[in-house]
Amino acid sequence: MQNLLHRAMLASDDNRLSDAQQFLEKAVQIDPSSPTALRQLANSNSGRKFLEGGHPLEARLSTAPDDSAVSFELGEAMEKSGDLPGARDALESSLKLAPSQMPARLLLGRVYLQLKDAKNAADQFEAALLVDSNNNDGRLGLAEAQIQQSDFAAALPDLESFSKSNPHDAKALRLLARAYRGLGKEPEAKRAEERASMLEKK
């Protein structure tokens, strides 16, 4: 298994992409839950077609429907391959089996954001923050969900606080600019955008 992943990496480095894919497909057939192989396959168009043609994790899930880890890995692979409704369903199944999983909850929140379902996204990020109130992904995710719902006033205080304690986080500054703009604070929005642009150029 490790040998196949290593050979896939070498083939990819040499730009032998079809060879790399063959090694990865063999790896997935040996271990349908290999996150490394699934992630690498999901990052290429032909690899996504292989996954969509009958995801090996789906077959494994049918024999182990109570395995929250398999549901999470399936959701992760589907999100990477662009199947957002499939990812949402798999992650919801995983969280029903094991509600305390922080990575699954954060990823489900991001999937909901991509689906433009800000209310459900906010619910997921709030649940994550109940477990860890200082989780950066949870805080930024909740702010983004609030901004998607045009609730700029709710997003602003934590984004200002976050940007003070994490001054080099360009994503937070971009969200802060959107919150300021939504509240009609154009000079502050421009300043935040300029700081984000400087960080992104580094």
N, C-alpha and C. Protein backbone atom coordinates (compact mmCIF):
# COMPACT_ATOMS: atom_id res chain seq x y z
N MET A 1 0.83 -1.21 0.00
CA MET A 1 0.00 0.00 0.00
C MET A 1 0.87 1.27 0.00
N GLN A 2 1.80 1.35 0.98
CA GLN A 2 2.69 2.52 1.05
C GLN A 2 3.55 2.61 -0.20
N ASN A 3 3.94 1.42 -0.72
CA ASN A 3 4.75 1.38 -1.94
C ASN A 3 4.00 2.01 -3.11
N LEU A 4 2.70 1.70 -3.22
CA LEU A 4 1.89 2.26 -4.30
C LEU A 4 1.78 3.78 -4.17
N LEU A 5 1.57 4.25 -2.94
CA LEU A 5 1.46 5.70 -2.72
C LEU A 5 2.78 6.39 -3.06
N HIS A 6 3.89 5.74 -2.70
CA HIS A 6 5.21 6.30 -2.99
C HIS A 6 5.44 6.36 -4.50
N ARG A 7 5.07 5.27 -5.20
CA ARG A 7 5.24 5.24 -6.66
C ARG A 7 4.35 6.29 -7.33
N ALA A 8 3.16 6.48 -6.78
CA ALA A 8 2.26 7.51 -7.32
C ALA A 8 2.87 8.90 -7.16
N MET A 9 3.49 9.14 -6.00
CA MET A 9 4.11 10.44 -5.74
C MET A 9 5.27 10.68 -6.72
N LEU A 10 6.10 9.65 -6.94
CA LEU A 10 7.23 9.79 -7.85
C LEU A 10 6.74 10.03 -9.28
N ALA A 11 5.69 9.28 -9.69
CA ALA A 11 5.15 9.45 -11.04
C ALA A 11 4.58 10.86 -11.22
N SER A 12 3.91 11.35 -10.19
CA SER A 12 3.34 12.70 -10.24
C SER A 12 4.46 13.74 -10.35
N ASP A 13 5.52 13.56 -9.58
CA ASP A 13 6.66 14.48 -9.63
C ASP A 13 7.29 14.52 -11.02
N ASP A 14 7.27 13.35 -11.70
CA ASP A 14 7.84 13.26 -13.07
C ASP A 14 6.83 13.65 -14.14
N ASN A 15 5.64 14.12 -13.70
CA ASN A 15 4.56 14.52 -14.61
C ASN A 15 4.00 13.34 -15.40
N ARG A 16 4.15 12.12 -14.87
CA ARG A 16 3.53 10.93 -15.48
C ARG A 16 2.18 10.72 -14.78
N LEU A 17 1.22 11.59 -15.15
CA LEU A 17 -0.01 11.66 -14.38
C LEU A 17 -0.88 10.42 -14.53
N SER A 18 -0.88 9.81 -15.73
CA SER A 18 -1.71 8.61 -15.90
C SER A 18 -1.14 7.45 -15.08
N ASP A 19 0.20 7.37 -15.00
CA ASP A 19 0.82 6.32 -14.16
C ASP A 19 0.48 6.57 -12.69
N ALA A 20 0.56 7.84 -12.28
CA ALA A 20 0.24 8.19 -10.88
C ALA A 20 -1.19 7.79 -10.55
N GLN A 21 -2.10 8.07 -11.49
CA GLN A 21 -3.50 7.73 -11.22
C GLN A 21 -3.69 6.22 -11.09
N GLN A 22 -3.02 5.45 -11.96
CA GLN A 22 -3.16 3.98 -11.88
C GLN A 22 -2.70 3.46 -10.52
N PHE A 23 -1.57 3.99 -10.03
CA PHE A 23 -1.08 3.56 -8.71
C PHE A 23 -2.09 3.92 -7.62
N LEU A 24 -2.66 5.14 -7.72
CA LEU A 24 -3.62 5.58 -6.71
C LEU A 24 -4.90 4.74 -6.75
N GLU A 25 -5.36 4.41 -7.96
CA GLU A 25 -6.56 3.59 -8.08
C GLU A 25 -6.33 2.21 -7.46
N LYS A 26 -5.12 1.66 -7.70
CA LYS A 26 -4.80 0.36 -7.08
C LYS A 26 -4.79 0.49 -5.56
N ALA A 27 -4.23 1.59 -5.08
CA ALA A 27 -4.16 1.81 -3.63
C ALA A 27 -5.56 1.88 -3.03
N VAL A 28 -6.48 2.58 -3.71
CA VAL A 28 -7.85 2.71 -3.22
C VAL A 28 -8.57 1.36 -3.24
N GLN A 29 -8.25 0.54 -4.26
CA GLN A 29 -8.88 -0.79 -4.32
C GLN A 29 -8.41 -1.68 -3.16
N ILE A 30 -7.14 -1.50 -2.77
CA ILE A 30 -6.60 -2.27 -1.63
C ILE A 30 -7.16 -1.73 -0.32
N ASP A 31 -7.15 -0.40 -0.18
CA ASP A 31 -7.66 0.23 1.05
C ASP A 31 -8.62 1.35 0.68
N PRO A 32 -9.94 1.03 0.61
CA PRO A 32 -10.92 2.03 0.18
C PRO A 32 -11.02 3.25 1.09
N SER A 33 -10.43 3.19 2.28
CA SER A 33 -10.54 4.33 3.19
C SER A 33 -9.25 5.13 3.29
N SER A 34 -8.30 4.90 2.36
CA SER A 34 -7.02 5.62 2.42
C SER A 34 -7.22 7.11 2.12
N PRO A 35 -7.13 7.99 3.13
CA PRO A 35 -7.38 9.42 2.89
C PRO A 35 -6.39 10.00 1.89
N THR A 36 -5.11 9.54 1.94
CA THR A 36 -4.08 10.08 1.04
C THR A 36 -4.42 9.79 -0.41
N ALA A 37 -4.75 8.52 -0.71
CA ALA A 37 -5.06 8.14 -2.08
C ALA A 37 -6.34 8.83 -2.56
N LEU A 38 -7.35 8.88 -1.70
CA LEU A 38 -8.62 9.51 -2.08
C LEU A 38 -8.43 10.99 -2.35
N ARG A 39 -7.65 11.66 -1.48
CA ARG A 39 -7.43 13.09 -1.66
C ARG A 39 -6.72 13.37 -2.98
N GLN A 40 -5.67 12.57 -3.28
CA GLN A 40 -4.91 12.81 -4.50
C GLN A 40 -5.75 12.53 -5.73
N LEU A 41 -6.57 11.48 -5.68
CA LEU A 41 -7.46 11.18 -6.80
C LEU A 41 -8.48 12.30 -7.01
N ALA A 42 -9.01 12.81 -5.91
CA ALA A 42 -10.04 13.85 -6.00
C ALA A 42 -9.50 15.15 -6.57
N ASN A 43 -8.16 15.31 -6.57
CA ASN A 43 -7.57 16.56 -7.05
C ASN A 43 -7.37 16.59 -8.56
N SER A 44 -7.68 15.48 -9.28
CA SER A 44 -7.54 15.49 -10.75
C SER A 44 -8.88 15.14 -11.38
N ASN A 45 -9.11 15.66 -12.59
CA ASN A 45 -10.39 15.43 -13.26
C ASN A 45 -10.64 13.96 -13.50
N SER A 46 -9.62 13.26 -14.03
CA SER A 46 -9.81 11.83 -14.32
C SER A 46 -9.97 11.05 -13.02
N GLY A 47 -9.27 11.48 -11.97
CA GLY A 47 -9.41 10.81 -10.68
C GLY A 47 -10.80 10.98 -10.11
N ARG A 48 -11.38 12.19 -10.29
CA ARG A 48 -12.75 12.42 -9.82
C ARG A 48 -13.73 11.50 -10.55
N LYS A 49 -13.49 11.32 -11.87
CA LYS A 49 -14.38 10.42 -12.63
C LYS A 49 -14.30 9.00 -12.08
N PHE A 50 -13.08 8.58 -11.72
CA PHE A 50 -12.91 7.24 -11.13
C PHE A 50 -13.71 7.13 -9.84
N LEU A 51 -13.62 8.15 -8.99
CA LEU A 51 -14.35 8.12 -7.72
C LEU A 51 -15.85 8.15 -7.94
N GLU A 52 -16.29 8.99 -8.91
CA GLU A 52 -17.72 9.12 -9.15
C GLU A 52 -18.31 7.87 -9.79
N GLY A 53 -17.45 7.09 -10.45
CA GLY A 53 -17.94 5.89 -11.13
C GLY A 53 -18.35 4.80 -10.16
N GLY A 54 -18.38 5.05 -8.91
CA GLY A 54 -18.77 4.06 -7.91
C GLY A 54 -17.75 4.14 -6.80
N HIS A 55 -17.97 5.05 -5.88
CA HIS A 55 -16.96 5.35 -4.87
C HIS A 55 -16.70 4.13 -3.99
N PRO A 56 -15.44 3.70 -3.89
CA PRO A 56 -15.14 2.52 -3.09
C PRO A 56 -15.58 2.64 -1.64
N LEU A 57 -15.58 3.86 -1.11
CA LEU A 57 -16.03 4.04 0.27
C LEU A 57 -17.53 3.79 0.41
N GLU A 58 -18.28 4.11 -0.66
CA GLU A 58 -19.73 3.86 -0.60
C GLU A 58 -20.01 2.36 -0.46
N ALA A 59 -19.22 1.56 -1.18
CA ALA A 59 -19.38 0.11 -1.07
C ALA A 59 -19.05 -0.34 0.34
N ARG A 60 -18.00 0.23 0.91
CA ARG A 60 -17.62 -0.17 2.26
C ARG A 60 -18.66 0.28 3.27
N LEU A 61 -19.25 1.46 3.01
CA LEU A 61 -20.26 1.99 3.93
C LEU A 61 -21.50 1.11 3.95
N SER A 62 -21.83 0.53 2.79
CA SER A 62 -23.01 -0.33 2.74
C SER A 62 -22.84 -1.57 3.61
N THR A 63 -21.56 -1.97 3.81
CA THR A 63 -21.32 -3.14 4.68
C THR A 63 -21.04 -2.72 6.12
N ALA A 64 -20.76 -1.43 6.33
CA ALA A 64 -20.50 -0.94 7.70
C ALA A 64 -21.23 0.38 7.90
N PRO A 65 -22.58 0.35 7.89
CA PRO A 65 -23.35 1.61 7.95
C PRO A 65 -23.18 2.37 9.26
N ASP A 66 -22.67 1.71 10.30
CA ASP A 66 -22.51 2.37 11.59
C ASP A 66 -21.09 2.88 11.82
N ASP A 67 -20.30 2.97 10.77
CA ASP A 67 -18.91 3.40 10.90
C ASP A 67 -18.82 4.89 10.60
N SER A 68 -18.73 5.71 11.66
CA SER A 68 -18.72 7.16 11.47
C SER A 68 -17.47 7.62 10.72
N ALA A 69 -16.34 6.90 10.91
CA ALA A 69 -15.10 7.30 10.25
C ALA A 69 -15.21 7.13 8.74
N VAL A 70 -15.85 6.04 8.29
CA VAL A 70 -16.01 5.83 6.85
C VAL A 70 -16.92 6.91 6.27
N SER A 71 -18.01 7.25 6.98
CA SER A 71 -18.91 8.31 6.51
C SER A 71 -18.16 9.64 6.41
N PHE A 72 -17.31 9.93 7.41
CA PHE A 72 -16.54 11.18 7.38
C PHE A 72 -15.58 11.20 6.20
N GLU A 73 -14.86 10.08 5.98
CA GLU A 73 -13.89 10.02 4.88
C GLU A 73 -14.61 10.14 3.53
N LEU A 74 -15.79 9.53 3.44
CA LEU A 74 -16.57 9.64 2.21
C LEU A 74 -16.99 11.11 1.98
N GLY A 75 -17.44 11.77 3.06
CA GLY A 75 -17.82 13.18 2.95
C GLY A 75 -16.65 14.05 2.54
N GLU A 76 -15.48 13.75 3.12
CA GLU A 76 -14.26 14.51 2.81
C GLU A 76 -13.90 14.35 1.33
N ALA A 77 -13.92 13.10 0.84
CA ALA A 77 -13.57 12.84 -0.56
C ALA A 77 -14.59 13.47 -1.51
N MET A 78 -15.87 13.39 -1.15
CA MET A 78 -16.92 13.97 -2.01
C MET A 78 -16.80 15.50 -2.06
N GLU A 79 -16.47 16.12 -0.92
CA GLU A 79 -16.31 17.58 -0.91
C GLU A 79 -15.15 17.96 -1.83
N LYS A 80 -14.05 17.20 -1.78
CA LYS A 80 -12.90 17.50 -2.63
C LYS A 80 -13.22 17.29 -4.10
N SER A 81 -14.10 16.32 -4.40
CA SER A 81 -14.43 16.05 -5.81
C SER A 81 -15.56 16.94 -6.31
N GLY A 82 -16.10 17.80 -5.44
CA GLY A 82 -17.12 18.75 -5.86
C GLY A 82 -18.56 18.27 -5.72
N ASP A 83 -18.75 17.08 -5.13
CA ASP A 83 -20.11 16.57 -4.93
C ASP A 83 -20.60 17.07 -3.57
N LEU A 84 -21.06 18.33 -3.54
CA LEU A 84 -21.41 18.95 -2.26
C LEU A 84 -22.66 18.33 -1.61
N PRO A 85 -23.74 18.04 -2.36
CA PRO A 85 -24.89 17.37 -1.71
C PRO A 85 -24.51 16.00 -1.15
N GLY A 86 -23.67 15.26 -1.89
CA GLY A 86 -23.22 13.96 -1.39
C GLY A 86 -22.37 14.11 -0.14
N ALA A 87 -21.50 15.11 -0.14
CA ALA A 87 -20.65 15.37 1.03
C ALA A 87 -21.51 15.73 2.24
N ARG A 88 -22.51 16.59 2.01
CA ARG A 88 -23.41 16.99 3.11
C ARG A 88 -24.08 15.77 3.72
N ASP A 89 -24.62 14.89 2.87
CA ASP A 89 -25.34 13.72 3.38
C ASP A 89 -24.42 12.78 4.16
N ALA A 90 -23.20 12.57 3.62
CA ALA A 90 -22.26 11.66 4.28
C ALA A 90 -21.81 12.24 5.63
N LEU A 91 -21.55 13.54 5.68
CA LEU A 91 -21.09 14.16 6.93
C LEU A 91 -22.21 14.20 7.97
N GLU A 92 -23.44 14.44 7.52
CA GLU A 92 -24.56 14.42 8.47
C GLU A 92 -24.73 13.02 9.07
N SER A 93 -24.56 11.99 8.21
CA SER A 93 -24.64 10.60 8.71
C SER A 93 -23.55 10.34 9.73
N SER A 94 -22.34 10.82 9.43
CA SER A 94 -21.21 10.61 10.34
C SER A 94 -21.47 11.27 11.70
N LEU A 95 -22.02 12.49 11.67
CA LEU A 95 -22.26 13.21 12.92
C LEU A 95 -23.43 12.63 13.72
N LYS A 96 -24.37 12.00 13.03
CA LYS A 96 -25.45 11.32 13.77
C LYS A 96 -24.88 10.17 14.58
N LEU A 97 -23.85 9.51 14.02
CA LEU A 97 -23.24 8.36 14.70
C LEU A 97 -22.27 8.82 15.79
N ALA A 98 -21.60 9.94 15.56
CA ALA A 98 -20.60 10.43 16.54
C ALA A 98 -20.65 11.96 16.56
N PRO A 99 -21.59 12.54 17.35
CA PRO A 99 -21.83 13.99 17.31
C PRO A 99 -20.66 14.86 17.75
N SER A 100 -19.67 14.29 18.46
CA SER A 100 -18.61 15.14 19.02
C SER A 100 -17.44 15.36 18.06
N GLN A 101 -17.53 14.87 16.83
CA GLN A 101 -16.40 15.01 15.89
C GLN A 101 -16.24 16.46 15.42
N MET A 102 -15.19 17.09 15.85
CA MET A 102 -14.95 18.48 15.44
C MET A 102 -14.62 18.60 13.94
N PRO A 103 -13.71 17.78 13.38
CA PRO A 103 -13.39 17.95 11.95
C PRO A 103 -14.60 17.77 11.05
N ALA A 104 -15.46 16.79 11.36
CA ALA A 104 -16.66 16.55 10.53
C ALA A 104 -17.61 17.74 10.62
N ARG A 105 -17.75 18.32 11.82
CA ARG A 105 -18.68 19.44 12.00
C ARG A 105 -18.18 20.67 11.25
N LEU A 106 -16.89 20.93 11.33
CA LEU A 106 -16.32 22.09 10.64
C LEU A 106 -16.43 21.92 9.12
N LEU A 107 -16.15 20.70 8.65
CA LEU A 107 -16.23 20.46 7.21
C LEU A 107 -17.68 20.58 6.74
N LEU A 108 -18.63 20.06 7.53
CA LEU A 108 -20.04 20.18 7.15
C LEU A 108 -20.45 21.65 7.10
N GLY A 109 -19.95 22.45 8.03
CA GLY A 109 -20.23 23.89 7.99
C GLY A 109 -19.72 24.52 6.70
N ARG A 110 -18.50 24.13 6.28
CA ARG A 110 -17.94 24.68 5.04
C ARG A 110 -18.75 24.23 3.82
N VAL A 111 -19.20 22.96 3.86
CA VAL A 111 -20.03 22.45 2.75
C VAL A 111 -21.32 23.25 2.66
N TYR A 112 -21.95 23.51 3.81
CA TYR A 112 -23.18 24.31 3.81
C TYR A 112 -22.92 25.71 3.27
N LEU A 113 -21.77 26.31 3.61
CA LEU A 113 -21.44 27.63 3.07
C LEU A 113 -21.36 27.59 1.55
N GLN A 114 -20.70 26.54 1.03
CA GLN A 114 -20.58 26.41 -0.44
C GLN A 114 -21.94 26.18 -1.10
N LEU A 115 -22.86 25.54 -0.35
CA LEU A 115 -24.21 25.31 -0.87
C LEU A 115 -25.11 26.54 -0.67
N LYS A 116 -24.53 27.61 -0.12
CA LYS A 116 -25.28 28.85 0.18
C LYS A 116 -26.42 28.62 1.17
N ASP A 117 -26.21 27.68 2.07
CA ASP A 117 -27.18 27.40 3.14
C ASP A 117 -26.58 27.93 4.44
N ALA A 118 -26.62 29.26 4.57
CA ALA A 118 -25.91 29.93 5.66
C ALA A 118 -26.47 29.58 7.03
N LYS A 119 -27.79 29.36 7.12
CA LYS A 119 -28.38 29.08 8.43
C LYS A 119 -27.86 27.76 9.00
N ASN A 120 -27.87 26.71 8.16
CA ASN A 120 -27.35 25.43 8.63
C ASN A 120 -25.85 25.47 8.86
N ALA A 121 -25.14 26.27 8.04
CA ALA A 121 -23.69 26.44 8.25
C ALA A 121 -23.45 27.04 9.64
N ALA A 122 -24.20 28.09 9.97
CA ALA A 122 -24.04 28.75 11.28
C ALA A 122 -24.30 27.76 12.41
N ASP A 123 -25.32 26.91 12.25
CA ASP A 123 -25.62 25.91 13.29
C ASP A 123 -24.43 24.99 13.54
N GLN A 124 -23.76 24.57 12.45
CA GLN A 124 -22.62 23.66 12.59
C GLN A 124 -21.44 24.35 13.28
N PHE A 125 -21.16 25.58 12.86
CA PHE A 125 -20.03 26.30 13.46
C PHE A 125 -20.31 26.63 14.93
N GLU A 126 -21.56 26.97 15.25
CA GLU A 126 -21.91 27.24 16.65
C GLU A 126 -21.74 25.98 17.50
N ALA A 127 -22.14 24.84 16.94
CA ALA A 127 -21.97 23.57 17.68
C ALA A 127 -20.49 23.27 17.90
N ALA A 128 -19.65 23.57 16.90
CA ALA A 128 -18.21 23.36 17.04
C ALA A 128 -17.64 24.27 18.13
N LEU A 129 -18.13 25.51 18.17
CA LEU A 129 -17.62 26.47 19.15
C LEU A 129 -18.08 26.16 20.58
N LEU A 130 -19.15 25.40 20.72
CA LEU A 130 -19.54 24.93 22.05
C LEU A 130 -18.51 23.96 22.61
N VAL A 131 -17.87 23.22 21.70
CA VAL A 131 -16.82 22.27 22.11
C VAL A 131 -15.50 23.00 22.36
N ASP A 132 -15.18 23.93 21.45
CA ASP A 132 -13.92 24.69 21.56
C ASP A 132 -14.19 26.12 21.12
N SER A 133 -14.41 27.00 22.10
CA SER A 133 -14.83 28.38 21.80
C SER A 133 -13.75 29.18 21.08
N ASN A 134 -12.50 28.71 21.11
CA ASN A 134 -11.41 29.45 20.47
C ASN A 134 -10.99 28.86 19.13
N ASN A 135 -11.77 27.91 18.60
CA ASN A 135 -11.38 27.28 17.34
C ASN A 135 -11.46 28.30 16.20
N ASN A 136 -10.32 28.55 15.55
CA ASN A 136 -10.25 29.59 14.52
C ASN A 136 -11.17 29.30 13.34
N ASP A 137 -11.18 28.04 12.87
CA ASP A 137 -12.04 27.69 11.73
C ASP A 137 -13.51 27.89 12.08
N GLY A 138 -13.86 27.56 13.31
CA GLY A 138 -15.24 27.74 13.76
C GLY A 138 -15.63 29.20 13.83
N ARG A 139 -14.73 30.03 14.35
CA ARG A 139 -15.03 31.45 14.48
C ARG A 139 -15.17 32.13 13.11
N LEU A 140 -14.23 31.83 12.22
CA LEU A 140 -14.31 32.45 10.89
C LEU A 140 -15.49 31.89 10.09
N GLY A 141 -15.76 30.60 10.26
CA GLY A 141 -16.90 30.00 9.57
C GLY A 141 -18.21 30.61 10.01
N LEU A 142 -18.36 30.81 11.32
CA LEU A 142 -19.59 31.43 11.83
C LEU A 142 -19.74 32.85 11.30
N ALA A 143 -18.64 33.61 11.29
CA ALA A 143 -18.69 34.99 10.77
C ALA A 143 -19.09 34.99 9.30
N GLU A 144 -18.54 34.04 8.52
CA GLU A 144 -18.88 33.98 7.10
C GLU A 144 -20.36 33.63 6.91
N ALA A 145 -20.86 32.73 7.75
CA ALA A 145 -22.29 32.37 7.67
C ALA A 145 -23.17 33.57 8.02
N GLN A 146 -22.75 34.35 9.04
CA GLN A 146 -23.52 35.54 9.42
C GLN A 146 -23.51 36.57 8.28
N ILE A 147 -22.35 36.72 7.62
CA ILE A 147 -22.24 37.67 6.51
C ILE A 147 -23.12 37.20 5.34
N GLN A 148 -23.11 35.88 5.08
CA GLN A 148 -23.98 35.35 4.01
C GLN A 148 -25.45 35.67 4.27
N GLN A 149 -25.81 35.75 5.56
CA GLN A 149 -27.19 36.07 5.92
C GLN A 149 -27.41 37.58 6.07
N SER A 150 -26.40 38.37 5.69
CA SER A 150 -26.43 39.84 5.81
C SER A 150 -26.55 40.31 7.25
N ASP A 151 -26.13 39.47 8.20
CA ASP A 151 -26.14 39.87 9.61
C ASP A 151 -24.75 40.41 9.96
N PHE A 152 -24.41 41.54 9.34
CA PHE A 152 -23.06 42.09 9.46
C PHE A 152 -22.73 42.52 10.88
N ALA A 153 -23.74 43.05 11.58
CA ALA A 153 -23.52 43.54 12.94
C ALA A 153 -23.14 42.40 13.89
N ALA A 154 -23.70 41.21 13.65
CA ALA A 154 -23.36 40.06 14.51
C ALA A 154 -21.94 39.57 14.23
N ALA A 155 -21.52 39.65 12.96
CA ALA A 155 -20.20 39.14 12.58
C ALA A 155 -19.07 40.06 13.01
N LEU A 156 -19.34 41.37 13.05
CA LEU A 156 -18.26 42.34 13.20
C LEU A 156 -17.45 42.24 14.50
N PRO A 157 -18.08 42.15 15.70
CA PRO A 157 -17.26 42.19 16.92
C PRO A 157 -16.22 41.07 16.99
N ASP A 158 -16.62 39.83 16.66
CA ASP A 158 -15.65 38.74 16.77
C ASP A 158 -14.60 38.84 15.67
N LEU A 159 -14.98 39.34 14.48
CA LEU A 159 -13.98 39.50 13.42
C LEU A 159 -12.95 40.56 13.80
N GLU A 160 -13.41 41.66 14.44
CA GLU A 160 -12.45 42.69 14.89
C GLU A 160 -11.51 42.11 15.93
N SER A 161 -12.07 41.37 16.88
CA SER A 161 -11.26 40.75 17.93
C SER A 161 -10.29 39.73 17.33
N PHE A 162 -10.80 38.91 16.40
CA PHE A 162 -9.96 37.87 15.76
C PHE A 162 -8.80 38.52 15.01
N SER A 163 -9.09 39.59 14.26
CA SER A 163 -8.04 40.23 13.45
C SER A 163 -6.98 40.91 14.31
N LYS A 164 -7.39 41.36 15.50
CA LYS A 164 -6.39 41.94 16.41
C LYS A 164 -5.44 40.87 16.94
N SER A 165 -6.00 39.69 17.28
CA SER A 165 -5.15 38.63 17.84
C SER A 165 -4.48 37.79 16.76
N ASN A 166 -4.98 37.87 15.50
CA ASN A 166 -4.37 37.14 14.38
C ASN A 166 -4.16 38.12 13.22
N PRO A 167 -3.24 39.09 13.39
CA PRO A 167 -3.12 40.18 12.41
C PRO A 167 -2.63 39.74 11.03
N HIS A 168 -2.12 38.51 10.92
CA HIS A 168 -1.59 38.05 9.63
C HIS A 168 -2.55 37.10 8.92
N ASP A 169 -3.78 37.05 9.35
CA ASP A 169 -4.77 36.15 8.74
C ASP A 169 -5.55 36.93 7.67
N ALA A 170 -5.17 36.72 6.39
CA ALA A 170 -5.79 37.48 5.30
C ALA A 170 -7.26 37.14 5.14
N LYS A 171 -7.61 35.87 5.38
CA LYS A 171 -9.02 35.49 5.22
C LYS A 171 -9.90 36.26 6.21
N ALA A 172 -9.43 36.39 7.45
CA ALA A 172 -10.19 37.13 8.46
C ALA A 172 -10.36 38.60 8.04
N LEU A 173 -9.30 39.16 7.46
CA LEU A 173 -9.37 40.56 7.03
C LEU A 173 -10.34 40.73 5.87
N ARG A 174 -10.39 39.75 4.97
CA ARG A 174 -11.35 39.81 3.85
C ARG A 174 -12.79 39.77 4.39
N LEU A 175 -13.02 38.90 5.37
CA LEU A 175 -14.36 38.82 5.98
C LEU A 175 -14.68 40.11 6.73
N LEU A 176 -13.68 40.66 7.42
CA LEU A 176 -13.86 41.91 8.16
C LEU A 176 -14.26 43.03 7.19
N ALA A 177 -13.60 43.07 6.03
CA ALA A 177 -13.93 44.09 5.03
C ALA A 177 -15.38 43.95 4.56
N ARG A 178 -15.82 42.70 4.36
CA ARG A 178 -17.22 42.48 3.93
C ARG A 178 -18.21 42.93 5.01
N ALA A 179 -17.86 42.68 6.26
CA ALA A 179 -18.74 43.10 7.36
C ALA A 179 -18.81 44.63 7.44
N TYR A 180 -17.63 45.28 7.35
CA TYR A 180 -17.61 46.75 7.37
C TYR A 180 -18.45 47.31 6.22
N ARG A 181 -18.24 46.74 5.02
CA ARG A 181 -18.96 47.26 3.83
C ARG A 181 -20.46 47.08 4.00
N GLY A 182 -20.86 45.93 4.56
CA GLY A 182 -22.28 45.68 4.78
C GLY A 182 -22.92 46.68 5.73
N LEU A 183 -22.08 47.26 6.62
CA LEU A 183 -22.58 48.25 7.58
C LEU A 183 -22.34 49.68 7.10
N GLY A 184 -21.88 49.81 5.84
CA GLY A 184 -21.67 51.15 5.28
C GLY A 184 -20.39 51.82 5.74
N LYS A 185 -19.45 51.04 6.31
CA LYS A 185 -18.19 51.62 6.80
C LYS A 185 -17.11 51.43 5.72
N GLU A 186 -17.21 52.20 4.66
CA GLU A 186 -16.34 52.02 3.50
C GLU A 186 -14.86 52.26 3.79
N PRO A 187 -14.47 53.34 4.54
CA PRO A 187 -13.04 53.55 4.80
C PRO A 187 -12.41 52.36 5.54
N GLU A 188 -13.13 51.84 6.56
CA GLU A 188 -12.63 50.69 7.32
C GLU A 188 -12.53 49.46 6.42
N ALA A 189 -13.52 49.28 5.53
CA ALA A 189 -13.51 48.14 4.61
C ALA A 189 -12.28 48.21 3.71
N LYS A 190 -11.98 49.39 3.19
CA LYS A 190 -10.83 49.54 2.28
C LYS A 190 -9.52 49.26 3.01
N ARG A 191 -9.43 49.73 4.26
CA ARG A 191 -8.20 49.50 5.04
C ARG A 191 -7.98 48.00 5.26
N ALA A 192 -9.06 47.30 5.61
CA ALA A 192 -8.95 45.85 5.84
C ALA A 192 -8.56 45.13 4.56
N GLU A 193 -9.13 45.56 3.43
CA GLU A 193 -8.79 44.93 2.14
C GLU A 193 -7.33 45.18 1.77
N GLU A 194 -6.85 46.40 2.03
CA GLU A 194 -5.45 46.71 1.72
C GLU A 194 -4.50 45.85 2.54
N ARG A 195 -4.82 45.67 3.83
CA ARG A 195 -3.99 44.83 4.69
C ARG A 195 -4.01 43.37 4.21
N ALA A 196 -5.19 42.90 3.79
CA ALA A 196 -5.31 41.52 3.28
C ALA A 196 -4.48 41.37 2.02
N SER A 197 -4.54 42.35 1.11
CA SER A 197 -3.79 42.28 -0.15
C SER A 197 -2.29 42.24 0.11
N MET A 198 -1.83 43.03 1.07
CA MET A 198 -0.39 43.04 1.41
C MET A 198 0.05 41.66 1.90
N LEU A 199 -0.78 41.04 2.75
CA LEU A 199 -0.44 39.72 3.29
C LEU A 199 -0.45 38.67 2.19
N GLU A 200 -1.39 38.76 1.27
CA GLU A 200 -1.51 37.76 0.19
C GLU A 200 -0.36 37.84 -0.80
N LYS A 201 0.27 39.01 -0.88
CA LYS A 201 1.43 39.18 -1.80
C LYS A 201 2.70 38.59 -1.23
N LYS A 202 2.74 38.41 0.07
CA LYS A 202 3.99 37.92 0.71
C LYS A 202 4.27 36.49 0.32
